[in-house]
Amino acid sequence: MKTKAFYAELLEIARSVGFSIKRDNGSFRGGACLLYDEKIILLNKNVPLETHINVVANAIAPYVGEIFVKPKIRELIEKEIDKGLNNPIEIIIRNQEE
């Protein structure tokens, strides 16, 4: 499977499990976070596509057991996790009124 097609599949899976995708510039790699009740995957526009794949694969890894994922995609997610971040970044910001 080609890199761009794999990336598109990962984004589709991420959206299907409730993530929104945000892209921005900065000095960060990217990762997943929870902002209030919104699950977000933040991607840096300045890093290569392979890094985006790794970030998204790590973010959706906990969900692939709950939904159908094509076997080829599941295999590639597992490979990305093995060579990547291993744990997505999670930041929880709560409303001060809570």
Foldseek 3Di string as FASTA:
>chain_A
DDLVVLLVLLVVLCVVVQEDEAEEADPDLWFWEQEANHIYTYHYPPDDSLSSSLRSLQRCVVPCVVDPDPPVSNVVSVVSCVPDDVHTDYDYDHDPVD
